[in-house]
Amino acid sequence: MRTVRSIPAAGSTVVADPEPDPHHEPLFSRKESTSVTDAIDLVHDIPVWLCAPDGPIVRETRDALDLIGDAGYHEARWVVLPVARLDGDFFRLRTGLAGEVLQKFAQYDMRLAVVGDITSYVEASTALRDLVRESNRGTQTWFLADLDALGARLAGTGDDRTEEPGDPRRAGVVGKG
């Protein structure tokens, strides 16, 4: 049985399917969800895996793989990850965590939107500022201020990998360009 609930901030509908369809073969092996509050959502008819801000912190590559697996199981094309779910080491590029996490998302053909204010991290690191700027120019990973910015970006791209998303400074993109 499907349950539907509304998320007023995003102005969209969330569909939670606690009973897997026995006729559907998931893309990834099914595991327990990383958080009972993570949910599949449609943003401009694009399935996204919305991660709750209070869920498990991404501290290592394995944590990112869990998110990718959950999102893939629910046939999401994007993982929307609040900044609060990322360990501080993610924003210290010398640790390698950001590179490993972003590589896994690209390897498994899952897009990532990091949502929230990362201004203090960006101001403290030229390398991070460059990573954010370059990521926001592409279609694989975006660093955005909020869910409204994600909606605007997805509406503008049609989620087509061949289409350029436009100026990364539009639509509430976090960080200075």
Protein backbone atom coordinates (compact mmCIF):
# COMPACT_ATOMS: atom_id res chain seq x y z
CA MET A 1 0.00 0.00 0.00
CA ARG A 2 1.37 3.43 -0.95
CA THR A 3 1.18 6.38 1.40
CA VAL A 4 1.42 9.96 0.20
CA ARG A 5 2.27 13.03 2.20
CA SER A 6 2.92 16.63 1.27
CA ILE A 7 6.08 18.62 1.95
CA PRO A 8 4.94 22.26 2.10
CA ALA A 9 8.46 23.74 1.79
CA ALA A 10 9.10 21.96 -1.48
CA GLY A 11 5.48 22.13 -2.64
CA SER A 12 5.65 18.56 -3.87
CA THR A 13 4.33 15.11 -3.05
CA VAL A 14 6.23 12.34 -1.28
CA VAL A 15 5.43 8.72 -2.03
CA ALA A 16 6.59 6.13 0.47
CA ASP A 17 6.32 2.50 -0.61
CA PRO A 18 7.05 0.31 2.43
CA GLU A 19 6.02 -2.86 0.57
CA PRO A 20 8.32 -3.58 -2.40
CA ASP A 21 6.61 -4.66 -5.58
CA PRO A 22 7.38 -8.40 -5.99
CA HIS A 23 7.35 -7.96 -9.80
CA HIS A 24 9.94 -5.19 -9.72
CA GLU A 25 13.64 -5.96 -9.61
CA PRO A 26 15.59 -3.18 -7.85
CA LEU A 27 18.77 -1.75 -9.32
CA PHE A 28 20.68 -2.38 -6.09
CA SER A 29 20.47 -5.00 -3.36
CA ARG A 30 17.89 -3.95 -0.82
CA LYS A 31 19.00 -2.96 2.65
CA GLU A 32 17.21 -1.22 5.42
CA SER A 33 16.79 2.49 4.77
CA THR A 34 19.44 4.68 6.43
CA SER A 35 16.67 6.65 8.15
CA VAL A 36 12.98 6.11 8.59
CA THR A 37 12.43 9.73 7.58
CA ASP A 38 14.30 9.58 4.27
CA ALA A 39 11.76 9.46 1.46
CA ILE A 40 11.29 9.40 -2.29
CA ASP A 41 9.89 12.61 -3.76
CA LEU A 42 9.06 13.93 -7.20
CA VAL A 43 10.47 17.32 -8.14
CA HIS A 44 9.25 18.35 -11.58
CA ASP A 45 8.52 14.66 -12.24
CA ILE A 46 12.11 13.72 -11.42
CA PRO A 47 12.45 11.14 -8.62
CA VAL A 48 14.71 12.36 -5.82
CA TRP A 49 15.71 10.67 -2.58
CA LEU A 50 15.23 13.29 0.16
CA CYS A 51 17.49 12.65 3.12
CA ALA A 52 16.24 13.89 6.46
CA PRO A 53 18.53 16.38 8.22
CA ASP A 54 18.58 14.27 11.40
CA GLY A 55 19.65 11.02 9.73
CA PRO A 56 23.05 9.30 9.88
CA ILE A 57 26.12 11.40 9.13
CA VAL A 58 28.15 10.59 6.02
CA ARG A 59 31.57 9.97 7.59
CA GLU A 60 33.04 7.50 5.10
CA THR A 61 32.52 6.11 1.63
CA ARG A 62 30.37 3.25 2.94
CA ASP A 63 27.81 5.77 4.24
CA ALA A 64 27.55 7.29 0.76
CA LEU A 65 27.10 3.83 -0.76
CA ASP A 66 24.22 3.20 1.65
CA LEU A 67 22.50 6.36 0.41
CA ILE A 68 23.12 5.42 -3.22
CA GLY A 69 21.68 1.96 -2.59
CA ASP A 70 18.58 3.34 -0.88
CA ALA A 71 18.02 5.88 -3.63
CA GLY A 72 18.58 3.30 -6.35
CA TYR A 73 16.15 0.89 -4.72
CA HIS A 74 13.48 3.59 -4.89
CA GLU A 75 14.49 4.45 -8.49
CA ALA A 76 15.60 7.97 -7.59
CA ARG A 77 17.85 9.86 -9.96
CA TRP A 78 19.04 12.35 -7.34
CA VAL A 79 20.04 12.15 -3.69
CA VAL A 80 19.26 15.38 -1.84
CA LEU A 81 21.59 15.51 1.14
CA PRO A 82 21.38 18.25 3.79
CA VAL A 83 24.70 19.78 4.82
CA ALA A 84 23.96 18.62 8.37
CA ARG A 85 24.34 15.00 7.18
CA LEU A 86 27.94 15.54 6.02
CA ASP A 87 30.87 15.15 8.38
CA GLY A 88 33.07 18.26 8.56
CA ASP A 89 35.86 16.27 6.87
CA PHE A 90 33.82 16.33 3.66
CA PHE A 91 34.50 20.08 3.41
CA ARG A 92 38.22 19.71 4.21
CA LEU A 93 39.33 18.46 0.82
CA ARG A 94 42.72 17.28 2.05
CA THR A 95 40.94 14.43 3.88
CA GLY A 96 39.80 12.95 0.55
CA LEU A 97 36.26 12.25 1.79
CA ALA A 98 34.57 14.61 -0.68
CA GLY A 99 36.48 13.11 -3.60
CA GLU A 100 35.62 9.56 -2.58
CA VAL A 101 31.94 10.37 -2.03
CA LEU A 102 31.55 12.31 -5.27
CA GLN A 103 33.36 9.56 -7.17
CA LYS A 104 30.93 6.92 -5.85
CA PHE A 105 27.92 8.98 -6.88
CA ALA A 106 29.37 9.38 -10.38
CA GLN A 107 30.39 5.71 -10.58
CA TYR A 108 26.84 4.55 -9.76
CA ASP A 109 25.27 7.16 -12.05
CA MET A 110 23.42 8.81 -9.15
CA ARG A 111 23.32 12.57 -8.93
CA LEU A 112 23.91 14.44 -5.68
CA ALA A 113 22.51 17.74 -4.43
CA VAL A 114 24.07 19.01 -1.20
CA VAL A 115 21.53 21.40 0.27
CA GLY A 116 22.23 24.04 2.90
CA ASP A 117 24.56 26.86 3.82
CA ILE A 118 28.23 26.05 3.27
CA THR A 119 29.39 29.67 3.18
CA SER A 120 31.81 29.32 6.11
CA TYR A 121 33.48 26.29 4.50
CA VAL A 122 33.72 27.97 1.10
CA GLU A 123 35.16 31.18 2.57
CA ALA A 124 37.85 29.15 4.37
CA SER A 125 39.01 27.15 1.32
CA THR A 126 39.83 28.29 -2.19
CA ALA A 127 39.96 24.67 -3.33
CA LEU A 128 36.47 23.98 -1.97
CA ARG A 129 35.16 27.17 -3.55
CA ASP A 130 36.55 25.97 -6.91
CA LEU A 131 35.02 22.51 -6.43
CA VAL A 132 31.61 24.01 -5.66
CA ARG A 133 31.79 26.39 -8.63
CA GLU A 134 32.80 23.64 -11.07
CA SER A 135 30.27 21.16 -9.68
CA ASN A 136 27.46 23.67 -10.03
CA ARG A 137 28.36 24.17 -13.68
CA GLY A 138 27.79 20.49 -14.36
CA THR A 139 24.90 18.09 -13.99
CA GLN A 140 26.33 15.46 -11.59
CA THR A 141 26.67 17.32 -8.28
CA TRP A 142 25.18 20.60 -7.11
CA PHE A 143 25.68 22.60 -3.92
CA LEU A 144 22.44 24.53 -3.34
CA ALA A 145 21.03 26.82 -0.68
CA ASP A 146 17.66 25.08 -0.28
CA LEU A 147 15.03 22.81 -1.84
CA ASP A 148 13.53 25.72 -3.78
CA ALA A 149 16.89 26.16 -5.53
CA LEU A 150 16.90 22.45 -6.39
CA GLY A 151 13.41 22.75 -7.84
CA ALA A 152 14.49 25.72 -9.93
CA ARG A 153 17.58 23.91 -11.22
CA LEU A 154 15.67 20.75 -12.07
CA ALA A 155 12.95 22.76 -13.81
CA GLY A 156 15.61 24.55 -15.82
CA THR A 157 17.48 21.44 -16.95
CA GLY A 158 14.75 18.93 -17.55
CA ASP A 159 17.30 16.58 -15.91
CA ASP A 160 18.83 15.98 -19.33
CA ARG A 161 22.56 15.27 -19.14
CA THR A 162 23.12 16.79 -22.58
CA GLU A 163 21.60 20.10 -21.54
CA GLU A 164 23.65 22.76 -19.74
CA PRO A 165 22.11 23.92 -16.46
CA GLY A 166 23.09 27.54 -17.17
CA ASP A 167 24.74 30.02 -14.87
CA PRO A 168 25.61 28.29 -11.56
CA ARG A 169 25.04 31.57 -9.71
CA ARG A 170 21.30 31.45 -10.43
CA ALA A 171 18.68 29.54 -8.46
CA GLY A 172 20.17 29.93 -4.99
CA VAL A 173 23.45 28.16 -5.62
CA VAL A 174 25.67 28.26 -2.55
CA GLY A 175 29.14 29.74 -2.72
CA LYS A 176 30.61 32.64 -4.56
CA GLY A 177 31.33 32.14 -8.26
